């Protein structure tokens, strides 16, 4: 259907309560990139949110529907947003626990995800803290800290904002997982710190270890990130993007560039 066409009613639990979750998937080279990992995370989220999954509601079915949408919109490179949500009903009386879904696509440049020559600037958002609970690692629709962090970043003229958890430690950014480099060791918050279980985060940790680069999953404080040598962000659309500054701290991107080069040399990125 055309963009802007209403697809939910005022009684939708997705609208009322944020009762659902989503995946953002990159399409290019005639394929959905990291599709298995995305659908695995989605299915884990559906189980956590106690959806009743019909037999015909499968990753293969959703993958086919996404490809049809991409092709219908005549896109060769795209960002795909797959939203899955419960239907109508009140807080205690959902009419059905079976999933509904919406697929949206947007064109992106063919080189999206290549090394960013101009580093990103970040700010630290402290007014809404993310909890560290069973649901923290999935991409659910209860998005308030990220939404307010994005508004804050825009008001501060930053590219993105760092989100803190309820311990006031580094969680992630509004759209990405966060990594830092110190003494040639890479650090990133563990999943227990409340960050989204990013597809690129998981993939990068595995691939860095394959080429002999030490990666530690460790709780990170604001002080630690400001004393890092370099910082970079990852998600499945941007791949790896280096950060040039956080508040008054500046970073170089040289080590990040070298790491990307090593991964590309071994066809791991």
C-alpha atoms as a PDB file:
ATOM      1  CA  UNK A   1       0.000   0.000   0.000  1.00  0.00           C
ATOM      2  CA  UNK A   2       1.054   3.613  -0.432  1.00  0.00           C
ATOM      3  CA  UNK A   3       3.199   5.375   2.157  1.00  0.00           C
ATOM      4  CA  UNK A   4       1.043   7.086   4.769  1.00  0.00           C
ATOM      5  CA  UNK A   5      -1.896   4.690   4.446  1.00  0.00           C
ATOM      6  CA  UNK A   6      -3.339   3.917   7.941  1.00  0.00           C
ATOM      7  CA  UNK A   7      -2.716   0.300   8.988  1.00  0.00           C
ATOM      8  CA  UNK A   8      -3.693   0.294  12.685  1.00  0.00           C
ATOM      9  CA  UNK A   9      -6.695   1.595  14.636  1.00  0.00           C
ATOM     10  CA  UNK A  10      -6.943   3.625  17.828  1.00  0.00           C
ATOM     11  CA  UNK A  11      -7.542   0.339  19.704  1.00  0.00           C
ATOM     12  CA  UNK A  12      -4.219  -1.137  18.591  1.00  0.00           C
ATOM     13  CA  UNK A  13      -2.089  -2.418  21.455  1.00  0.00           C
ATOM     14  CA  UNK A  14       0.953  -1.388  19.421  1.00  0.00           C
ATOM     15  CA  UNK A  15      -0.305   2.203  19.526  1.00  0.00           C
ATOM     16  CA  UNK A  16      -1.552   2.098  23.130  1.00  0.00           C
ATOM     17  CA  UNK A  17       1.227   0.179  24.822  1.00  0.00           C
ATOM     18  CA  UNK A  18       4.109  -0.237  22.402  1.00  0.00           C
ATOM     19  CA  UNK A  19       3.211  -3.927  22.263  1.00  0.00           C
ATOM     20  CA  UNK A  20       5.624  -5.187  19.644  1.00  0.00           C
ATOM     21  CA  UNK A  21       9.154  -5.232  18.341  1.00  0.00           C
ATOM     22  CA  UNK A  22      11.068  -4.573  15.156  1.00  0.00           C
ATOM     23  CA  UNK A  23      14.129  -5.393  13.075  1.00  0.00           C
ATOM     24  CA  UNK A  24      16.088  -3.078  10.786  1.00  0.00           C
ATOM     25  CA  UNK A  25      17.703  -5.029   7.951  1.00  0.00           C
ATOM     26  CA  UNK A  26      20.029  -3.940   5.176  1.00  0.00           C
ATOM     27  CA  UNK A  27      19.268  -5.026   1.617  1.00  0.00           C
ATOM     28  CA  UNK A  28      21.947  -5.055  -1.075  1.00  0.00           C
ATOM     29  CA  UNK A  29      23.504  -7.328  -3.672  1.00  0.00           C
ATOM     30  CA  UNK A  30      20.085  -8.966  -4.131  1.00  0.00           C
ATOM     31  CA  UNK A  31      20.004 -10.255  -0.566  1.00  0.00           C
ATOM     32  CA  UNK A  32      18.926  -9.424   2.967  1.00  0.00           C
ATOM     33  CA  UNK A  33      22.166  -9.125   4.880  1.00  0.00           C
ATOM     34  CA  UNK A  34      22.500 -11.191   8.085  1.00  0.00           C
ATOM     35  CA  UNK A  35      18.914 -12.373   7.594  1.00  0.00           C
ATOM     36  CA  UNK A  36      19.298 -15.503   9.750  1.00  0.00           C
ATOM     37  CA  UNK A  37      20.653 -13.469  12.669  1.00  0.00           C
ATOM     38  CA  UNK A  38      17.884 -10.878  12.383  1.00  0.00           C
ATOM     39  CA  UNK A  39      15.111 -13.470  12.332  1.00  0.00           C
ATOM     40  CA  UNK A  40      16.723 -15.386  15.201  1.00  0.00           C
ATOM     41  CA  UNK A  41      16.666 -12.225  17.346  1.00  0.00           C
ATOM     42  CA  UNK A  42      13.107 -11.459  16.234  1.00  0.00           C
ATOM     43  CA  UNK A  43      11.874 -14.932  17.180  1.00  0.00           C
ATOM     44  CA  UNK A  44      13.525 -14.673  20.591  1.00  0.00           C
ATOM     45  CA  UNK A  45      11.694 -11.392  21.112  1.00  0.00           C
ATOM     46  CA  UNK A  46       8.367 -12.868  19.996  1.00  0.00           C
ATOM     47  CA  UNK A  47       8.767 -15.635  22.556  1.00  0.00           C
ATOM     48  CA  UNK A  48       9.688 -13.179  25.321  1.00  0.00           C
ATOM     49  CA  UNK A  49       6.625 -11.062  24.518  1.00  0.00           C
ATOM     50  CA  UNK A  50       4.433 -14.196  24.582  1.00  0.00           C
ATOM     51  CA  UNK A  51       3.158 -14.061  21.015  1.00  0.00           C
ATOM     52  CA  UNK A  52       1.318 -17.092  19.650  1.00  0.00           C
ATOM     53  CA  UNK A  53       3.104 -17.824  16.382  1.00  0.00           C
ATOM     54  CA  UNK A  54       1.029 -19.502  13.625  1.00  0.00           C
ATOM     55  CA  UNK A  55       2.612 -22.312  11.641  1.00  0.00           C
ATOM     56  CA  UNK A  56       2.654 -20.228   8.456  1.00  0.00           C
ATOM     57  CA  UNK A  57       4.324 -17.277  10.181  1.00  0.00           C
ATOM     58  CA  UNK A  58       7.941 -18.203   9.495  1.00  0.00           C
ATOM     59  CA  UNK A  59      11.240 -16.441   8.766  1.00  0.00           C
ATOM     60  CA  UNK A  60      10.960 -17.723   5.200  1.00  0.00           C
ATOM     61  CA  UNK A  61       7.491 -16.159   4.836  1.00  0.00           C
ATOM     62  CA  UNK A  62       8.671 -12.798   6.202  1.00  0.00           C
ATOM     63  CA  UNK A  63      11.819 -12.896   4.080  1.00  0.00           C
ATOM     64  CA  UNK A  64       9.741 -13.438   0.943  1.00  0.00           C
ATOM     65  CA  UNK A  65       7.388 -10.593   1.865  1.00  0.00           C
ATOM     66  CA  UNK A  66      10.336  -8.247   2.448  1.00  0.00           C
ATOM     67  CA  UNK A  67      11.864  -9.124  -0.918  1.00  0.00           C
ATOM     68  CA  UNK A  68       8.519  -8.556  -2.640  1.00  0.00           C
ATOM     69  CA  UNK A  69       8.275  -5.120  -1.012  1.00  0.00           C
ATOM     70  CA  UNK A  70      11.818  -4.181  -1.991  1.00  0.00           C
ATOM     71  CA  UNK A  71      11.202  -5.267  -5.573  1.00  0.00           C
ATOM     72  CA  UNK A  72       7.836  -3.528  -5.756  1.00  0.00           C
ATOM     73  CA  UNK A  73       9.532  -0.305  -4.634  1.00  0.00           C
ATOM     74  CA  UNK A  74      12.253  -0.874  -7.266  1.00  0.00           C
ATOM     75  CA  UNK A  75      15.138  -0.596  -4.818  1.00  0.00           C
ATOM     76  CA  UNK A  76      18.626  -2.013  -5.311  1.00  0.00           C
ATOM     77  CA  UNK A  77      19.927  -0.900  -1.896  1.00  0.00           C
ATOM     78  CA  UNK A  78      17.542  -0.384   0.981  1.00  0.00           C
ATOM     79  CA  UNK A  79      16.990  -0.053   4.691  1.00  0.00           C
ATOM     80  CA  UNK A  80      14.136  -2.337   5.685  1.00  0.00           C
ATOM     81  CA  UNK A  81      12.105  -1.957   8.858  1.00  0.00           C
ATOM     82  CA  UNK A  82      10.050  -4.975   9.851  1.00  0.00           C
ATOM     83  CA  UNK A  83       7.635  -4.184  12.702  1.00  0.00           C
ATOM     84  CA  UNK A  84       5.756  -7.035  14.399  1.00  0.00           C
ATOM     85  CA  UNK A  85       2.991  -6.203  16.860  1.00  0.00           C
ATOM     86  CA  UNK A  86      -0.093  -7.497  18.640  1.00  0.00           C
ATOM     87  CA  UNK A  87      -3.527  -6.436  17.401  1.00  0.00           C
ATOM     88  CA  UNK A  88      -6.369  -4.670  19.166  1.00  0.00           C
ATOM     89  CA  UNK A  89      -7.447  -4.882  22.796  1.00  0.00           C
ATOM     90  CA  UNK A  90      -7.068  -3.426  26.252  1.00  0.00           C
ATOM     91  CA  UNK A  91      -4.287  -4.043  28.721  1.00  0.00           C
ATOM     92  CA  UNK A  92      -5.764  -7.300  30.049  1.00  0.00           C
ATOM     93  CA  UNK A  93      -7.860  -8.421  27.104  1.00  0.00           C
ATOM     94  CA  UNK A  94      -5.914  -8.653  23.867  1.00  0.00           C
ATOM     95  CA  UNK A  95      -8.239  -9.943  21.152  1.00  0.00           C
ATOM     96  CA  UNK A  96      -5.436 -12.111  19.774  1.00  0.00           C
ATOM     97  CA  UNK A  97      -1.835 -12.894  20.620  1.00  0.00           C
ATOM     98  CA  UNK A  98      -0.954 -13.682  17.021  1.00  0.00           C
ATOM     99  CA  UNK A  99       1.472 -11.309  15.296  1.00  0.00           C
ATOM    100  CA  UNK A 100       0.662  -8.608  12.767  1.00  0.00           C
ATOM    101  CA  UNK A 101       3.460  -7.051  10.740  1.00  0.00           C
ATOM    102  CA  UNK A 102       4.355  -4.002   8.673  1.00  0.00           C
ATOM    103  CA  UNK A 103       7.261  -3.788   6.221  1.00  0.00           C
ATOM    104  CA  UNK A 104       8.727  -0.413   5.269  1.00  0.00           C
ATOM    105  CA  UNK A 105      11.654   0.258   2.927  1.00  0.00           C
ATOM    106  CA  UNK A 106      13.801   3.300   2.201  1.00  0.00           C
ATOM    107  CA  UNK A 107      16.509   3.692  -0.451  1.00  0.00           C
ATOM    108  CA  UNK A 108      20.108   3.983   0.749  1.00  0.00           C
ATOM    109  CA  UNK A 109      23.339   4.666  -1.086  1.00  0.00           C
ATOM    110  CA  UNK A 110      25.318   1.708  -2.406  1.00  0.00           C
ATOM    111  CA  UNK A 111      28.288   2.769  -0.265  1.00  0.00           C
ATOM    112  CA  UNK A 112      26.285   3.009   2.982  1.00  0.00           C
ATOM    113  CA  UNK A 113      28.422   1.406   5.653  1.00  0.00           C
ATOM    114  CA  UNK A 114      31.775   2.351   4.157  1.00  0.00           C
ATOM    115  CA  UNK A 115      34.347   4.139   6.336  1.00  0.00           C
ATOM    116  CA  UNK A 116      33.123   7.579   7.371  1.00  0.00           C
ATOM    117  CA  UNK A 117      35.858  10.080   6.579  1.00  0.00           C
ATOM    118  CA  UNK A 118      34.233  12.633   8.875  1.00  0.00           C
ATOM    119  CA  UNK A 119      33.926  11.221  12.371  1.00  0.00           C
ATOM    120  CA  UNK A 120      30.668  11.280  14.290  1.00  0.00           C
ATOM    121  CA  UNK A 121      30.119  13.625  17.210  1.00  0.00           C
ATOM    122  CA  UNK A 122      28.281  12.239  20.232  1.00  0.00           C
ATOM    123  CA  UNK A 123      26.730  13.708  23.336  1.00  0.00           C
ATOM    124  CA  UNK A 124      25.726  11.932  26.551  1.00  0.00           C
ATOM    125  CA  UNK A 125      22.027  11.839  27.410  1.00  0.00           C
ATOM    126  CA  UNK A 126      21.318  11.398  31.129  1.00  0.00           C
ATOM    127  CA  UNK A 127      17.629  12.177  31.672  1.00  0.00           C
ATOM    128  CA  UNK A 128      16.126   8.802  30.664  1.00  0.00           C
ATOM    129  CA  UNK A 129      17.984   5.684  31.794  1.00  0.00           C
ATOM    130  CA  UNK A 130      17.608   2.245  30.237  1.00  0.00           C
ATOM    131  CA  UNK A 131      16.783  -0.679  32.494  1.00  0.00           C
ATOM    132  CA  UNK A 132      18.827  -3.879  32.526  1.00  0.00           C
ATOM    133  CA  UNK A 133      16.150  -6.575  32.409  1.00  0.00           C
ATOM    134  CA  UNK A 134      14.966  -9.588  30.426  1.00  0.00           C
ATOM    135  CA  UNK A 135      13.699  -7.377  27.611  1.00  0.00           C
ATOM    136  CA  UNK A 136      16.636  -4.971  27.289  1.00  0.00           C
ATOM    137  CA  UNK A 137      18.476  -6.849  24.542  1.00  0.00           C
ATOM    138  CA  UNK A 138      15.580  -7.099  22.065  1.00  0.00           C
ATOM    139  CA  UNK A 139      14.413  -4.280  19.793  1.00  0.00           C
ATOM    140  CA  UNK A 140      10.992  -3.693  21.319  1.00  0.00           C
ATOM    141  CA  UNK A 141       8.742  -0.718  20.694  1.00  0.00           C
ATOM    142  CA  UNK A 142       9.127   0.785  24.169  1.00  0.00           C
ATOM    143  CA  UNK A 143      11.666   3.264  22.852  1.00  0.00           C
ATOM    144  CA  UNK A 144      11.464   6.301  25.168  1.00  0.00           C
ATOM    145  CA  UNK A 145      15.153   6.630  26.236  1.00  0.00           C
ATOM    146  CA  UNK A 146      16.281   6.343  22.615  1.00  0.00           C
ATOM    147  CA  UNK A 147      13.643   8.726  21.298  1.00  0.00           C
ATOM    148  CA  UNK A 148      14.429  11.380  23.902  1.00  0.00           C
ATOM    149  CA  UNK A 149      18.154  10.813  23.398  1.00  0.00           C
ATOM    150  CA  UNK A 150      17.721  11.443  19.678  1.00  0.00           C
ATOM    151  CA  UNK A 151      15.844  14.691  20.361  1.00  0.00           C
ATOM    152  CA  UNK A 152      18.614  15.720  22.751  1.00  0.00           C
ATOM    153  CA  UNK A 153      21.315  14.917  20.180  1.00  0.00           C
ATOM    154  CA  UNK A 154      19.532  17.028  17.578  1.00  0.00           C
ATOM    155  CA  UNK A 155      19.168  19.939  20.000  1.00  0.00           C
ATOM    156  CA  UNK A 156      22.886  19.717  20.806  1.00  0.00           C
ATOM    157  CA  UNK A 157      23.796  19.413  17.103  1.00  0.00           C
ATOM    158  CA  UNK A 158      25.376  15.992  17.646  1.00  0.00           C
ATOM    159  CA  UNK A 159      25.156  13.030  15.282  1.00  0.00           C
ATOM    160  CA  UNK A 160      23.989  10.691  18.047  1.00  0.00           C
ATOM    161  CA  UNK A 161      23.595  10.419  21.821  1.00  0.00           C
ATOM    162  CA  UNK A 162      25.007   7.871  24.246  1.00  0.00           C
ATOM    163  CA  UNK A 163      22.311   6.216  26.373  1.00  0.00           C
ATOM    164  CA  UNK A 164      23.101   5.264  29.971  1.00  0.00           C
ATOM    165  CA  UNK A 165      21.634   2.383  31.967  1.00  0.00           C
ATOM    166  CA  UNK A 166      20.150   2.595  35.457  1.00  0.00           C
ATOM    167  CA  UNK A 167      23.655   2.212  36.914  1.00  0.00           C
ATOM    168  CA  UNK A 168      24.583   5.361  34.927  1.00  0.00           C
ATOM    169  CA  UNK A 169      27.079   3.355  32.902  1.00  0.00           C
ATOM    170  CA  UNK A 170      27.389   3.270  29.116  1.00  0.00           C
ATOM    171  CA  UNK A 171      24.589   1.255  27.469  1.00  0.00           C
ATOM    172  CA  UNK A 172      24.628   2.049  23.736  1.00  0.00           C
ATOM    173  CA  UNK A 173      23.672   4.940  21.468  1.00  0.00           C
ATOM    174  CA  UNK A 174      20.216   5.777  20.125  1.00  0.00           C
ATOM    175  CA  UNK A 175      20.851   3.705  16.980  1.00  0.00           C
ATOM    176  CA  UNK A 176      23.990   1.638  17.552  1.00  0.00           C
ATOM    177  CA  UNK A 177      26.213  -0.371  19.855  1.00  0.00           C
ATOM    178  CA  UNK A 178      29.303   1.364  21.185  1.00  0.00           C
ATOM    179  CA  UNK A 179      32.932   0.215  21.329  1.00  0.00           C
ATOM    180  CA  UNK A 180      36.093   1.864  22.647  1.00  0.00           C
ATOM    181  CA  UNK A 181      39.802   1.212  22.117  1.00  0.00           C
ATOM    182  CA  UNK A 182      42.394   1.528  24.882  1.00  0.00           C
ATOM    183  CA  UNK A 183      45.968   0.149  24.755  1.00  0.00           C
ATOM    184  CA  UNK A 184      45.117  -1.813  21.575  1.00  0.00           C
ATOM    185  CA  UNK A 185      42.278  -3.648  23.354  1.00  0.00           C
ATOM    186  CA  UNK A 186      38.658  -3.196  22.278  1.00  0.00           C
ATOM    187  CA  UNK A 187      35.946  -2.893  24.909  1.00  0.00           C
ATOM    188  CA  UNK A 188      32.156  -2.923  24.658  1.00  0.00           C
ATOM    189  CA  UNK A 189      29.407  -3.173  27.290  1.00  0.00           C
ATOM    190  CA  UNK A 190      28.171  -6.750  27.913  1.00  0.00           C
ATOM    191  CA  UNK A 191      24.533  -7.562  27.224  1.00  0.00           C
ATOM    192  CA  UNK A 192      23.873  -7.560  30.972  1.00  0.00           C
ATOM    193  CA  UNK A 193      24.379  -3.769  30.868  1.00  0.00           C
ATOM    194  CA  UNK A 194      21.113  -3.417  28.936  1.00  0.00           C
ATOM    195  CA  UNK A 195      22.358  -2.755  25.423  1.00  0.00           C
ATOM    196  CA  UNK A 196      20.562  -4.121  22.370  1.00  0.00           C
ATOM    197  CA  UNK A 197      21.975  -7.463  21.236  1.00  0.00           C
ATOM    198  CA  UNK A 198      23.151  -5.960  17.958  1.00  0.00           C
ATOM    199  CA  UNK A 199      23.685  -8.177  14.939  1.00  0.00           C
ATOM    200  CA  UNK A 200      26.805  -6.282  13.873  1.00  0.00           C
ATOM    201  CA  UNK A 201      27.986  -6.191  17.498  1.00  0.00           C
ATOM    202  CA  UNK A 202      27.884  -9.989  17.739  1.00  0.00           C
ATOM    203  CA  UNK A 203      29.407 -10.445  14.278  1.00  0.00           C
ATOM    204  CA  UNK A 204      32.214  -7.972  14.914  1.00  0.00           C
ATOM    205  CA  UNK A 205      33.206  -9.496  18.245  1.00  0.00           C
ATOM    206  CA  UNK A 206      33.498 -12.915  16.586  1.00  0.00           C
ATOM    207  CA  UNK A 207      35.465 -11.635  13.595  1.00  0.00           C
ATOM    208  CA  UNK A 208      37.863  -9.510  15.628  1.00  0.00           C
ATOM    209  CA  UNK A 209      38.758 -12.533  17.722  1.00  0.00           C
ATOM    210  CA  UNK A 210      39.363 -14.513  14.516  1.00  0.00           C
ATOM    211  CA  UNK A 211      42.081 -12.065  13.461  1.00  0.00           C
ATOM    212  CA  UNK A 212      43.675 -12.007  16.903  1.00  0.00           C
ATOM    213  CA  UNK A 213      42.366  -8.689  18.239  1.00  0.00           C
ATOM    214  CA  UNK A 214      41.439  -8.793  21.915  1.00  0.00           C
ATOM    215  CA  UNK A 215      37.847  -7.818  22.709  1.00  0.00           C
ATOM    216  CA  UNK A 216      36.566  -7.515  26.265  1.00  0.00           C
ATOM    217  CA  UNK A 217      32.906  -7.178  27.199  1.00  0.00           C
ATOM    218  CA  UNK A 218      33.149  -4.959  30.259  1.00  0.00           C
ATOM    219  CA  UNK A 219      30.910  -2.400  32.019  1.00  0.00           C
ATOM    220  CA  UNK A 220      32.026   1.029  30.828  1.00  0.00           C
ATOM    221  CA  UNK A 221      31.735   4.294  32.711  1.00  0.00           C
ATOM    222  CA  UNK A 222      31.564   7.789  31.269  1.00  0.00           C
ATOM    223  CA  UNK A 223      35.085   8.383  32.580  1.00  0.00           C
ATOM    224  CA  UNK A 224      36.395   5.303  30.753  1.00  0.00           C
ATOM    225  CA  UNK A 225      34.846   6.323  27.432  1.00  0.00           C
ATOM    226  CA  UNK A 226      36.237   9.852  27.750  1.00  0.00           C
ATOM    227  CA  UNK A 227      39.714   8.431  28.468  1.00  0.00           C
ATOM    228  CA  UNK A 228      39.625   6.019  25.513  1.00  0.00           C
ATOM    229  CA  UNK A 229      41.973   6.383  22.546  1.00  0.00           C
ATOM    230  CA  UNK A 230      39.187   5.786  20.023  1.00  0.00           C
ATOM    231  CA  UNK A 231      35.456   5.118  19.973  1.00  0.00           C
ATOM    232  CA  UNK A 232      33.291   3.633  17.231  1.00  0.00           C
ATOM    233  CA  UNK A 233      29.659   2.644  16.694  1.00  0.00           C
ATOM    234  CA  UNK A 234      28.202  -0.393  14.950  1.00  0.00           C
ATOM    235  CA  UNK A 235      24.861  -1.473  13.572  1.00  0.00           C
ATOM    236  CA  UNK A 236      23.711  -3.558  10.636  1.00  0.00           C
ATOM    237  CA  UNK A 237      23.166  -0.541   8.374  1.00  0.00           C
ATOM    238  CA  UNK A 238      26.266   1.588   9.046  1.00  0.00           C
ATOM    239  CA  UNK A 239      28.639  -1.334   9.808  1.00  0.00           C
ATOM    240  CA  UNK A 240      31.452   0.483  11.686  1.00  0.00           C
ATOM    241  CA  UNK A 241      31.584   4.269  12.085  1.00  0.00           C
ATOM    242  CA  UNK A 242      34.330   6.091  13.983  1.00  0.00           C
ATOM    243  CA  UNK A 243      33.616   8.820  16.514  1.00  0.00           C
ATOM    244  CA  UNK A 244      35.598  12.054  16.386  1.00  0.00           C
ATOM    245  CA  UNK A 245      34.316  13.572  19.601  1.00  0.00           C
ATOM    246  CA  UNK A 246      32.233  13.174  22.744  1.00  0.00           C
ATOM    247  CA  UNK A 247      31.545  16.398  24.605  1.00  0.00           C
ATOM    248  CA  UNK A 248      34.941  18.152  24.763  1.00  0.00           C
ATOM    249  CA  UNK A 249      36.972  14.973  24.112  1.00  0.00           C
ATOM    250  CA  UNK A 250      38.352  14.355  20.611  1.00  0.00           C
ATOM    251  CA  UNK A 251      39.471  11.057  19.084  1.00  0.00           C
ATOM    252  CA  UNK A 252      41.356   9.962  16.002  1.00  0.00           C
ATOM    253  CA  UNK A 253      40.019   7.202  13.778  1.00  0.00           C
ATOM    254  CA  UNK A 254      43.325   5.688  12.753  1.00  0.00           C
ATOM    255  CA  UNK A 255      43.062   2.430  14.706  1.00  0.00           C
ATOM    256  CA  UNK A 256      39.449   1.996  13.646  1.00  0.00           C
ATOM    257  CA  UNK A 257      40.454   2.475  10.009  1.00  0.00           C
ATOM    258  CA  UNK A 258      43.217  -0.130  10.383  1.00  0.00           C
ATOM    259  CA  UNK A 259      40.818  -2.623  11.980  1.00  0.00           C
ATOM    260  CA  UNK A 260      38.321  -2.189   9.150  1.00  0.00           C
ATOM    261  CA  UNK A 261      41.173  -2.673   6.642  1.00  0.00           C
ATOM    262  CA  UNK A 262      42.240  -5.941   8.299  1.00  0.00           C
ATOM    263  CA  UNK A 263      38.675  -7.259   8.286  1.00  0.00           C
ATOM    264  CA  UNK A 264      38.189  -6.327   4.640  1.00  0.00           C
ATOM    265  CA  UNK A 265      41.539  -7.843   3.674  1.00  0.00           C
ATOM    266  CA  UNK A 266      40.371 -11.200   5.072  1.00  0.00           C
ATOM    267  CA  UNK A 267      36.864 -10.786   3.557  1.00  0.00           C
ATOM    268  CA  UNK A 268      35.342 -10.668   7.019  1.00  0.00           C
ATOM    269  CA  UNK A 269      33.515  -7.376   6.488  1.00  0.00           C
END
